[in-house]
PDB file of N, CA and C in Angstrom:
ATOM      1  N   MET A   1       0.655  -1.136   0.114  1.00  0.00           N
ATOM      2  CA  MET A   1       0.197  -0.030  -0.058  1.00  0.00           C
ATOM      3  C   MET A   1       0.849   1.245  -0.138  1.00  0.00           C
ATOM      4  N   ALA A   2       0.666   2.148  -1.116  1.00  0.00           N
ATOM      5  CA  ALA A   2       1.562   3.368  -1.409  1.00  0.00           C
ATOM      6  C   ALA A   2       0.824   4.200   0.173  1.00  0.00           C
ATOM      7  N   THR A   3       1.717   5.070   0.262  1.00  0.00           N
ATOM      8  CA  THR A   3       1.522   6.266   1.214  1.00  0.00           C
ATOM      9  C   THR A   3       1.990   7.438   0.763  1.00  0.00           C
ATOM     10  N   THR A   4       0.988   8.390   0.988  1.00  0.00           N
ATOM     11  CA  THR A   4       1.745  10.005   0.293  1.00  0.00           C
ATOM     12  C   THR A   4       1.776  10.912   1.593  1.00  0.00           C
ATOM     13  N   LYS A   5       3.019  11.606   1.462  1.00  0.00           N
ATOM     14  CA  LYS A   5       3.030  12.694   2.564  1.00  0.00           C
ATOM     15  C   LYS A   5       2.538  14.000   1.687  1.00  0.00           C
ATOM     16  N   ASN A   6       1.772  15.121   2.603  1.00  0.00           N
ATOM     17  CA  ASN A   6       1.646  16.165   2.347  1.00  0.00           C
ATOM     18  C   ASN A   6       2.967  16.928   2.597  1.00  0.00           C
ATOM     19  N   GLN A   7       3.299  17.553   1.706  1.00  0.00           N
ATOM     20  CA  GLN A   7       4.613  18.478   2.065  1.00  0.00           C
ATOM     21  C   GLN A   7       3.911  20.070   1.972  1.00  0.00           C
ATOM     22  N   LEU A   8       4.323  20.580   2.809  1.00  0.00           N
ATOM     23  CA  LEU A   8       4.335  22.069   3.060  1.00  0.00           C
ATOM     24  C   LEU A   8       4.996  23.008   1.731  1.00  0.00           C
ATOM     25  N   GLN A   9       4.442  23.498   0.820  1.00  0.00           N
ATOM     26  CA  GLN A   9       5.231  24.368  -0.137  1.00  0.00           C
ATOM     27  C   GLN A   9       5.948  25.522   0.583  1.00  0.00           C
ATOM     28  N   SER A  10       6.912  25.723   0.345  1.00  0.00           N
ATOM     29  CA  SER A  10       7.996  26.625   1.083  1.00  0.00           C
ATOM     30  C   SER A  10       8.126  27.658   0.209  1.00  0.00           C
ATOM     31  N   TYR A  11       8.124  28.927   0.522  1.00  0.00           N
ATOM     32  CA  TYR A  11       8.595  30.245  -0.274  1.00  0.00           C
ATOM     33  C   TYR A  11       9.960  31.010   0.206  1.00  0.00           C
ATOM     34  N   ASN A  12      10.803  30.163  -0.177  1.00  0.00           N
ATOM     35  CA  ASN A  12      12.351  30.565   0.294  1.00  0.00           C
ATOM     36  C   ASN A  12      12.589  30.704   1.815  1.00  0.00           C
ATOM     37  N   GLY A  13      11.702  29.300   2.757  1.00  0.00           N
ATOM     38  CA  GLY A  13      11.965  28.761   4.058  1.00  0.00           C
ATOM     39  C   GLY A  13      10.696  29.976   4.731  1.00  0.00           C
ATOM     40  N   PHE A  14       9.339  30.502   3.638  1.00  0.00           N
ATOM     41  CA  PHE A  14       8.457  30.867   4.460  1.00  0.00           C
ATOM     42  C   PHE A  14       7.578  30.260   3.992  1.00  0.00           C
ATOM     43  N   ALA A  15       6.070  30.503   4.712  1.00  0.00           N
ATOM     44  CA  ALA A  15       4.897  29.590   4.688  1.00  0.00           C
ATOM     45  C   ALA A  15       4.034  29.819   3.306  1.00  0.00           C
ATOM     46  N   ILE A  16       4.283  31.456   3.235  1.00  0.00           N
ATOM     47  CA  ILE A  16       3.687  32.003   1.970  1.00  0.00           C
ATOM     48  C   ILE A  16       4.130  32.905   1.300  1.00  0.00           C
ATOM     49  N   PRO A  17       3.958  33.480   0.120  1.00  0.00           N
ATOM     50  CA  PRO A  17       4.976  34.668  -0.562  1.00  0.00           C
ATOM     51  C   PRO A  17       4.650  35.838   0.184  1.00  0.00           C
ATOM     52  N   LEU A  18       5.530  36.496   0.365  1.00  0.00           N
ATOM     53  CA  LEU A  18       5.792  37.707   0.927  1.00  0.00           C
ATOM     54  C   LEU A  18       5.215  38.821   0.398  1.00  0.00           C
ATOM     55  N   GLN A  19       4.421  39.579   0.562  1.00  0.00           N
ATOM     56  CA  GLN A  19       3.849  40.964  -0.035  1.00  0.00           C
ATOM     57  C   GLN A  19       4.398  41.671   0.775  1.00  0.00           C
ATOM     58  N   PRO A  20       4.390  43.138   0.208  1.00  0.00           N
ATOM     59  CA  PRO A  20       4.777  44.402   0.925  1.00  0.00           C
ATOM     60  C   PRO A  20       3.958  44.409   2.466  1.00  0.00           C
ATOM     61  N   ASP A  21       2.953  44.256   2.310  1.00  0.00           N
ATOM     62  CA  ASP A  21       2.235  44.143   3.723  1.00  0.00           C
ATOM     63  C   ASP A  21       1.791  42.895   4.305  1.00  0.00           C
ATOM     64  N   THR A  22       2.554  42.042   3.945  1.00  0.00           N
ATOM     65  CA  THR A  22       2.570  40.380   4.951  1.00  0.00           C
ATOM     66  C   THR A  22       2.954  40.871   6.288  1.00  0.00           C
ATOM     67  N   ASP A  23       2.349  40.519   7.242  1.00  0.00           N
ATOM     68  CA  ASP A  23       2.765  40.359   8.666  1.00  0.00           C
ATOM     69  C   ASP A  23       3.738  39.457   9.163  1.00  0.00           C
ATOM     70  N   LEU A  24       5.189  40.176   9.118  1.00  0.00           N
ATOM     71  CA  LEU A  24       6.034  39.438   9.186  1.00  0.00           C
ATOM     72  C   LEU A  24       6.301  39.137  10.922  1.00  0.00           C
ATOM     73  N   GLY A  25       5.576  39.688  11.886  1.00  0.00           N
ATOM     74  CA  GLY A  25       5.806  39.421  13.052  1.00  0.00           C
ATOM     75  C   GLY A  25       7.075  40.236  13.793  1.00  0.00           C
ATOM     76  N   LEU A  26       7.829  40.212  14.394  1.00  0.00           N
ATOM     77  CA  LEU A  26       9.044  40.811  14.900  1.00  0.00           C
ATOM     78  C   LEU A  26      10.150  40.702  14.050  1.00  0.00           C
ATOM     79  N   ALA A  27      10.194  41.385  12.609  1.00  0.00           N
ATOM     80  CA  ALA A  27      11.266  41.176  12.176  1.00  0.00           C
ATOM     81  C   ALA A  27      12.448  42.510  12.279  1.00  0.00           C
ATOM     82  N   MET A  28      13.388  42.262  11.519  1.00  0.00           N
ATOM     83  CA  MET A  28      14.900  42.925  11.734  1.00  0.00           C
ATOM     84  C   MET A  28      15.039  43.709  10.298  1.00  0.00           C
ATOM     85  N   LEU A  29      15.231  45.131  10.437  1.00  0.00           N
ATOM     86  CA  LEU A  29      15.801  45.632   9.381  1.00  0.00           C
ATOM     87  C   LEU A  29      17.160  45.794   9.786  1.00  0.00           C
ATOM     88  N   ILE A  30      18.065  45.091   8.830  1.00  0.00           N
ATOM     89  CA  ILE A  30      19.732  45.459   8.982  1.00  0.00           C
ATOM     90  C   ILE A  30      20.522  46.228   7.930  1.00  0.00           C
ATOM     91  N   ALA A  31      21.309  47.229   8.256  1.00  0.00           N
ATOM     92  CA  ALA A  31      22.153  47.780   7.455  1.00  0.00           C
ATOM     93  C   ALA A  31      23.026  47.063   6.784  1.00  0.00           C
ATOM     94  N   GLU A  32      23.780  46.940   5.649  1.00  0.00           N
ATOM     95  CA  GLU A  32      24.917  46.165   5.122  1.00  0.00           C
ATOM     96  C   GLU A  32      25.561  47.189   4.531  1.00  0.00           C
ATOM     97  N   GLY A  33      26.957  47.267   4.557  1.00  0.00           N
ATOM     98  CA  GLY A  33      27.783  48.200   4.200  1.00  0.00           C
ATOM     99  C   GLY A  33      28.828  47.162   3.087  1.00  0.00           C
ATOM    100  N   GLU A  34      29.392  47.843   2.285  1.00  0.00           N
ATOM    101  CA  GLU A  34      29.894  47.269   1.364  1.00  0.00           C
ATOM    102  C   GLU A  34      31.154  45.869   1.247  1.00  0.00           C
ATOM    103  N   ASP A  35      31.559  46.398   2.569  1.00  0.00           N
ATOM    104  CA  ASP A  35      32.824  45.560   3.093  1.00  0.00           C
ATOM    105  C   ASP A  35      31.980  44.438   3.924  1.00  0.00           C
ATOM    106  N   GLY A  36      30.762  44.226   4.254  1.00  0.00           N
ATOM    107  CA  GLY A  36      29.985  42.891   4.914  1.00  0.00           C
ATOM    108  C   GLY A  36      29.700  43.517   6.351  1.00  0.00           C
ATOM    109  N   GLN A  37      29.992  44.719   6.628  1.00  0.00           N
ATOM    110  CA  GLN A  37      29.850  45.221   8.188  1.00  0.00           C
ATOM    111  C   GLN A  37      28.086  45.300   8.033  1.00  0.00           C
ATOM    112  N   HIS A  38      27.699  45.302   9.468  1.00  0.00           N
ATOM    113  CA  HIS A  38      26.352  45.264   9.515  1.00  0.00           C
ATOM    114  C   HIS A  38      25.774  45.791  10.402  1.00  0.00           C
ATOM    115  N   GLU A  39      24.556  46.385  10.878  1.00  0.00           N
ATOM    116  CA  GLU A  39      24.400  46.857  12.104  1.00  0.00           C
ATOM    117  C   GLU A  39      22.637  46.943  11.910  1.00  0.00           C
ATOM    118  N   PRO A  40      22.205  46.856  12.980  1.00  0.00           N
ATOM    119  CA  PRO A  40      20.976  46.464  13.072  1.00  0.00           C
ATOM    120  C   PRO A  40      19.767  48.022  13.193  1.00  0.00           C
ATOM    121  N   VAL A  41      19.034  48.161  12.281  1.00  0.00           N
ATOM    122  CA  VAL A  41      18.216  49.756  12.042  1.00  0.00           C
ATOM    123  C   VAL A  41      16.916  49.770  12.868  1.00  0.00           C
ATOM    124  N   ALA A  42      16.176  48.700  12.772  1.00  0.00           N
ATOM    125  CA  ALA A  42      14.690  48.833  13.382  1.00  0.00           C
ATOM    126  C   ALA A  42      14.052  47.239  13.540  1.00  0.00           C
ATOM    127  N   VAL A  43      13.386  47.659  14.608  1.00  0.00           N
ATOM    128  CA  VAL A  43      12.547  46.234  14.517  1.00  0.00           C
ATOM    129  C   VAL A  43      11.077  46.937  13.747  1.00  0.00           C
ATOM    130  N   ILE A  44      10.773  45.888  12.556  1.00  0.00           N
ATOM    131  CA  ILE A  44       9.587  46.385  11.755  1.00  0.00           C
ATOM    132  C   ILE A  44       8.594  44.852  11.582  1.00  0.00           C
ATOM    133  N   GLY A  45       7.586  45.468  10.769  1.00  0.00           N
ATOM    134  CA  GLY A  45       6.420  44.264  10.964  1.00  0.00           C
ATOM    135  C   GLY A  45       6.194  43.917   9.684  1.00  0.00           C
ATOM    136  N   THR A  46       6.428  44.577   8.719  1.00  0.00           N
ATOM    137  CA  THR A  46       6.174  44.154   7.083  1.00  0.00           C
ATOM    138  C   THR A  46       7.369  44.838   6.168  1.00  0.00           C
ATOM    139  N   ILE A  47       7.073  44.739   5.030  1.00  0.00           N
ATOM    140  CA  ILE A  47       8.609  44.848   4.283  1.00  0.00           C
ATOM    141  C   ILE A  47       8.128  46.120   3.763  1.00  0.00           C
ATOM    142  N   SER A  48       6.758  46.854   3.743  1.00  0.00           N
ATOM    143  CA  SER A  48       6.478  48.310   3.435  1.00  0.00           C
ATOM    144  C   SER A  48       7.347  49.233   4.449  1.00  0.00           C
ATOM    145  N   GLU A  49       6.883  48.701   5.911  1.00  0.00           N
ATOM    146  CA  GLU A  49       7.270  49.334   6.612  1.00  0.00           C
ATOM    147  C   GLU A  49       9.110  49.312   6.678  1.00  0.00           C
ATOM    148  N   ALA A  50       9.722  48.422   6.466  1.00  0.00           N
ATOM    149  CA  ALA A  50      10.739  48.194   5.907  1.00  0.00           C
ATOM    150  C   ALA A  50      11.855  49.194   5.071  1.00  0.00           C
ATOM    151  N   ARG A  51      10.959  49.526   4.188  1.00  0.00           N
ATOM    152  CA  ARG A  51      11.470  50.018   2.887  1.00  0.00           C
ATOM    153  C   ARG A  51      11.375  51.580   3.373  1.00  0.00           C
ATOM    154  N   GLU A  52      10.130  52.345   4.453  1.00  0.00           N
ATOM    155  CA  GLU A  52      10.140  53.261   4.850  1.00  0.00           C
ATOM    156  C   GLU A  52      11.407  53.598   6.000  1.00  0.00           C
ATOM    157  N   ALA A  53      11.468  52.753   6.976  1.00  0.00           N
ATOM    158  CA  ALA A  53      12.619  52.893   7.605  1.00  0.00           C
ATOM    159  C   ALA A  53      13.884  52.951   6.987  1.00  0.00           C
ATOM    160  N   ALA A  54      14.193  52.061   6.125  1.00  0.00           N
ATOM    161  CA  ALA A  54      15.447  52.409   5.623  1.00  0.00           C
ATOM    162  C   ALA A  54      15.541  53.641   4.574  1.00  0.00           C
ATOM    163  N   ALA A  55      14.649  53.972   4.276  1.00  0.00           N
ATOM    164  CA  ALA A  55      14.698  55.447   3.575  1.00  0.00           C
ATOM    165  C   ALA A  55      15.190  56.589   4.522  1.00  0.00           C
ATOM    166  N   SER A  56      14.500  56.415   5.996  1.00  0.00           N
ATOM    167  CA  SER A  56      14.673  57.389   6.591  1.00  0.00           C
ATOM    168  C   SER A  56      15.845  57.191   7.199  1.00  0.00           C
ATOM    169  N   ASP A  57      16.391  56.105   7.444  1.00  0.00           N
ATOM    170  CA  ASP A  57      17.818  55.629   8.141  1.00  0.00           C
ATOM    171  C   ASP A  57      18.725  56.470   6.988  1.00  0.00           C
ATOM    172  N   LEU A  58      18.625  56.425   5.756  1.00  0.00           N
ATOM    173  CA  LEU A  58      19.854  56.558   5.202  1.00  0.00           C
ATOM    174  C   LEU A  58      19.745  58.279   4.968  1.00  0.00           C
ATOM    175  N   ARG A  59      18.712  58.646   4.873  1.00  0.00           N
ATOM    176  CA  ARG A  59      18.509  60.350   5.094  1.00  0.00           C
ATOM    177  C   ARG A  59      18.971  60.749   6.075  1.00  0.00           C
ATOM    178  N   GLU A  60      18.854  60.457   7.465  1.00  0.00           N
ATOM    179  CA  GLU A  60      19.713  60.732   8.321  1.00  0.00           C
ATOM    180  C   GLU A  60      20.810  60.384   8.124  1.00  0.00           C
ATOM    181  N   ARG A  61      21.839  59.515   7.793  1.00  0.00           N
ATOM    182  CA  ARG A  61      22.985  59.248   7.823  1.00  0.00           C
ATOM    183  C   ARG A  61      23.495  60.242   6.728  1.00  0.00           C
ATOM    184  N   MET A  62      22.750  60.516   5.687  1.00  0.00           N
ATOM    185  CA  MET A  62      23.195  61.298   4.804  1.00  0.00           C
ATOM    186  C   MET A  62      23.228  63.363   5.268  1.00  0.00           C
ATOM    187  N   ARG A  63      21.965  63.361   6.481  1.00  0.00           N
ATOM    188  CA  ARG A  63      22.239  64.704   6.925  1.00  0.00           C
ATOM    189  C   ARG A  63      23.312  65.104   7.816  1.00  0.00           C
ATOM    190  N   ARG A  64      23.576  63.581   8.575  1.00  0.00           N
ATOM    191  CA  ARG A  64      25.088  63.710   9.390  1.00  0.00           C
ATOM    192  C   ARG A  64      26.366  63.887   8.673  1.00  0.00           C
ATOM    193  N   LEU A  65      26.228  63.532   7.394  1.00  0.00           N
ATOM    194  CA  LEU A  65      27.548  63.575   6.819  1.00  0.00           C
ATOM    195  C   LEU A  65      27.592  64.921   6.218  1.00  0.00           C
ATOM    196  N   GLU A  66      26.327  65.643   5.691  1.00  0.00           N
ATOM    197  CA  GLU A  66      26.309  67.220   5.287  1.00  0.00           C
ATOM    198  C   GLU A  66      26.675  67.997   6.616  1.00  0.00           C
ATOM    199  N   LEU A  67      26.536  67.694   7.673  1.00  0.00           N
ATOM    200  CA  LEU A  67      26.822  68.549   8.956  1.00  0.00           C
ATOM    201  C   LEU A  67      28.054  68.237   9.507  1.00  0.00           C
ATOM    202  N   ASP A  68      29.151  67.499   8.698  1.00  0.00           N
ATOM    203  CA  ASP A  68      30.447  66.999   8.990  1.00  0.00           C
ATOM    204  C   ASP A  68      30.420  66.006  10.197  1.00  0.00           C
ATOM    205  N   GLY A  69      29.357  65.508  10.559  1.00  0.00           N
ATOM    206  CA  GLY A  69      29.463  64.316  11.354  1.00  0.00           C
ATOM    207  C   GLY A  69      29.793  62.986  10.809  1.00  0.00           C
ATOM    208  N   ASP A  70      29.705  62.126  11.867  1.00  0.00           N
ATOM    209  CA  ASP A  70      30.014  60.702  11.809  1.00  0.00           C
ATOM    210  C   ASP A  70      28.765  60.105  11.186  1.00  0.00           C
ATOM    211  N   ALA A  71      28.412  59.297  10.209  1.00  0.00           N
ATOM    212  CA  ALA A  71      27.326  58.890   9.479  1.00  0.00           C
ATOM    213  C   ALA A  71      27.313  57.267  10.308  1.00  0.00           C
ATOM    214  N   GLY A  72      28.636  56.976  10.215  1.00  0.00           N
ATOM    215  CA  GLY A  72      28.724  55.262  10.899  1.00  0.00           C
ATOM    216  C   GLY A  72      28.699  54.616   9.837  1.00  0.00           C
ATOM    217  N   LEU A  73      28.071  53.644   9.800  1.00  0.00           N
ATOM    218  CA  LEU A  73      27.980  52.419   8.357  1.00  0.00           C
ATOM    219  C   LEU A  73      27.648  53.391   7.277  1.00  0.00           C
ATOM    220  N   CYS A  74      28.141  53.095   6.236  1.00  0.00           N
ATOM    221  CA  CYS A  74      27.431  53.734   4.627  1.00  0.00           C
ATOM    222  C   CYS A  74      26.791  52.468   4.042  1.00  0.00           C
ATOM    223  N   PRO A  75      25.785  52.213   4.304  1.00  0.00           N
ATOM    224  CA  PRO A  75      24.871  51.000   4.008  1.00  0.00           C
ATOM    225  C   PRO A  75      24.914  51.047   2.176  1.00  0.00           C
ATOM    226  N   THR A  76      25.107  49.947   1.620  1.00  0.00           N
ATOM    227  CA  THR A  76      24.852  49.740   0.460  1.00  0.00           C
ATOM    228  C   THR A  76      23.535  49.116  -0.298  1.00  0.00           C
ATOM    229  N   LEU A  77      23.049  48.297   1.060  1.00  0.00           N
ATOM    230  CA  LEU A  77      21.376  47.390   0.698  1.00  0.00           C
ATOM    231  C   LEU A  77      21.413  47.527   2.564  1.00  0.00           C
ATOM    232  N   TYR A  78      19.997  47.098   2.583  1.00  0.00           N
ATOM    233  CA  TYR A  78      19.170  47.289   3.598  1.00  0.00           C
ATOM    234  C   TYR A  78      18.546  45.361   3.313  1.00  0.00           C
ATOM    235  N   LYS A  79      18.508  44.749   4.497  1.00  0.00           N
ATOM    236  CA  LYS A  79      18.153  43.318   4.345  1.00  0.00           C
ATOM    237  C   LYS A  79      16.845  43.160   5.441  1.00  0.00           C
ATOM    238  N   VAL A  80      16.117  42.750   5.398  1.00  0.00           N
ATOM    239  CA  VAL A  80      14.702  41.998   6.182  1.00  0.00           C
ATOM    240  C   VAL A  80      15.068  40.869   6.667  1.00  0.00           C
ATOM    241  N   TRP A  81      15.420  40.764   7.790  1.00  0.00           N
ATOM    242  CA  TRP A  81      15.366  39.100   8.672  1.00  0.00           C
ATOM    243  C   TRP A  81      14.200  38.736   9.357  1.00  0.00           C
ATOM    244  N   ALA A  82      13.370  37.598   9.121  1.00  0.00           N
ATOM    245  CA  ALA A  82      12.186  37.454   9.653  1.00  0.00           C
ATOM    246  C   ALA A  82      12.193  35.705   9.961  1.00  0.00           C
ATOM    247  N   ARG A  83      11.356  35.206  11.215  1.00  0.00           N
ATOM    248  CA  ARG A  83      11.573  34.204  11.214  1.00  0.00           C
ATOM    249  C   ARG A  83      11.060  33.177  10.307  1.00  0.00           C
ATOM    250  N   GLY A  84      11.385  32.074   9.698  1.00  0.00           N
ATOM    251  CA  GLY A  84      10.997  31.330   8.617  1.00  0.00           C
ATOM    252  C   GLY A  84      10.127  30.130   9.066  1.00  0.00           C
ATOM    253  N   ILE A  85       9.314  29.461   8.522  1.00  0.00           N
ATOM    254  CA  ILE A  85       8.827  27.866   8.807  1.00  0.00           C
ATOM    255  C   ILE A  85       9.822  27.174   9.858  1.00  0.00           C
ATOM    256  N   ASP A  86      10.798  27.128   9.814  1.00  0.00           N
ATOM    257  CA  ASP A  86      11.529  26.304  10.586  1.00  0.00           C
ATOM    258  C   ASP A  86      11.971  27.103  12.079  1.00  0.00           C
ATOM    259  N   GLY A  87      11.551  28.070  12.010  1.00  0.00           N
ATOM    260  CA  GLY A  87      11.861  28.727  13.456  1.00  0.00           C
ATOM    261  C   GLY A  87      13.402  29.899  13.426  1.00  0.00           C
ATOM    262  N   THR A  88      13.879  29.636  12.356  1.00  0.00           N
ATOM    263  CA  THR A  88      15.121  30.412  12.117  1.00  0.00           C
ATOM    264  C   THR A  88      14.922  31.841  11.670  1.00  0.00           C
ATOM    265  N   TYR A  89      15.781  32.741  11.683  1.00  0.00           N
ATOM    266  CA  TYR A  89      15.542  33.803  11.277  1.00  0.00           C
ATOM    267  C   TYR A  89      16.566  33.946   9.681  1.00  0.00           C
ATOM    268  N   ARG A  90      15.804  34.394   8.590  1.00  0.00           N
ATOM    269  CA  ARG A  90      16.570  34.202   7.260  1.00  0.00           C
ATOM    270  C   ARG A  90      16.023  35.477   6.693  1.00  0.00           C
ATOM    271  N   THR A  91      17.072  35.693   5.713  1.00  0.00           N
ATOM    272  CA  THR A  91      16.491  37.141   4.909  1.00  0.00           C
ATOM    273  C   THR A  91      15.082  37.010   4.034  1.00  0.00           C
ATOM    274  N   ALA A  92      14.395  37.821   4.497  1.00  0.00           N
ATOM    275  CA  ALA A  92      12.941  37.997   3.831  1.00  0.00           C
ATOM    276  C   ALA A  92      12.904  38.909   2.543  1.00  0.00           C
ATOM    277  N   CYS A  93      13.914  39.993   2.668  1.00  0.00           N
ATOM    278  CA  CYS A  93      13.741  40.671   1.562  1.00  0.00           C
ATOM    279  C   CYS A  93      15.046  41.602   1.360  1.00  0.00           C
ATOM    280  N   GLU A  94      15.742  41.929   0.150  1.00  0.00           N
ATOM    281  CA  GLU A  94      16.768  43.272   0.248  1.00  0.00           C
ATOM    282  C   GLU A  94      16.495  44.171  -0.156  1.00  0.00           C
ATOM    283  N   ILE A  95      16.557  45.536   0.351  1.00  0.00           N
ATOM    284  CA  ILE A  95      16.238  46.754  -0.124  1.00  0.00           C
ATOM    285  C   ILE A  95      17.361  47.267  -0.836  1.00  0.00           C
ATOM    286  N   ILE A  96      17.414  47.455  -2.108  1.00  0.00           N
ATOM    287  CA  ILE A  96      18.775  48.217  -2.427  1.00  0.00           C
ATOM    288  C   ILE A  96      18.635  49.580  -3.195  1.00  0.00           C
ATOM    289  N   ASP A  97      17.247  49.651  -3.852  1.00  0.00           N
ATOM    290  CA  ASP A  97      16.773  51.052  -4.590  1.00  0.00           C
ATOM    291  C   ASP A  97      15.880  51.691  -3.488  1.00  0.00           C
ATOM    292  N   ILE A  98      16.843  52.168  -2.315  1.00  0.00           N
ATOM    293  CA  ILE A  98      16.209  52.989  -1.179  1.00  0.00           C
ATOM    294  C   ILE A  98      15.649  54.407  -1.418  1.00  0.00           C
ATOM    295  N   LEU A  99      16.513  55.487  -2.276  1.00  0.00           N
ATOM    296  CA  LEU A  99      15.638  56.709  -2.227  1.00  0.00           C
ATOM    297  C   LEU A  99      15.008  56.760  -3.814  1.00  0.00           C
TER     298      LEU A  99
END
């Protein structure tokens, strides 16, 4: 007698395809520099919120530079990390075109 298993379809480790307003729970927005350095920016709930936070973060860093201040890390991209179906955090989205 043959048995069949229902397999969960996985979307890059997530249970559903992620849309801009998909609730990610407590996800993290991380800024990454060209040399691989990274730093946390914000706790976010959706990809749309992450895009807004990334744009705001980059504007603030640019403002500090214009005032001859230290902008810290110079981000080349931002990543959204969220908990996947296996319970581990994984990259949910990369934000490159910020402004």
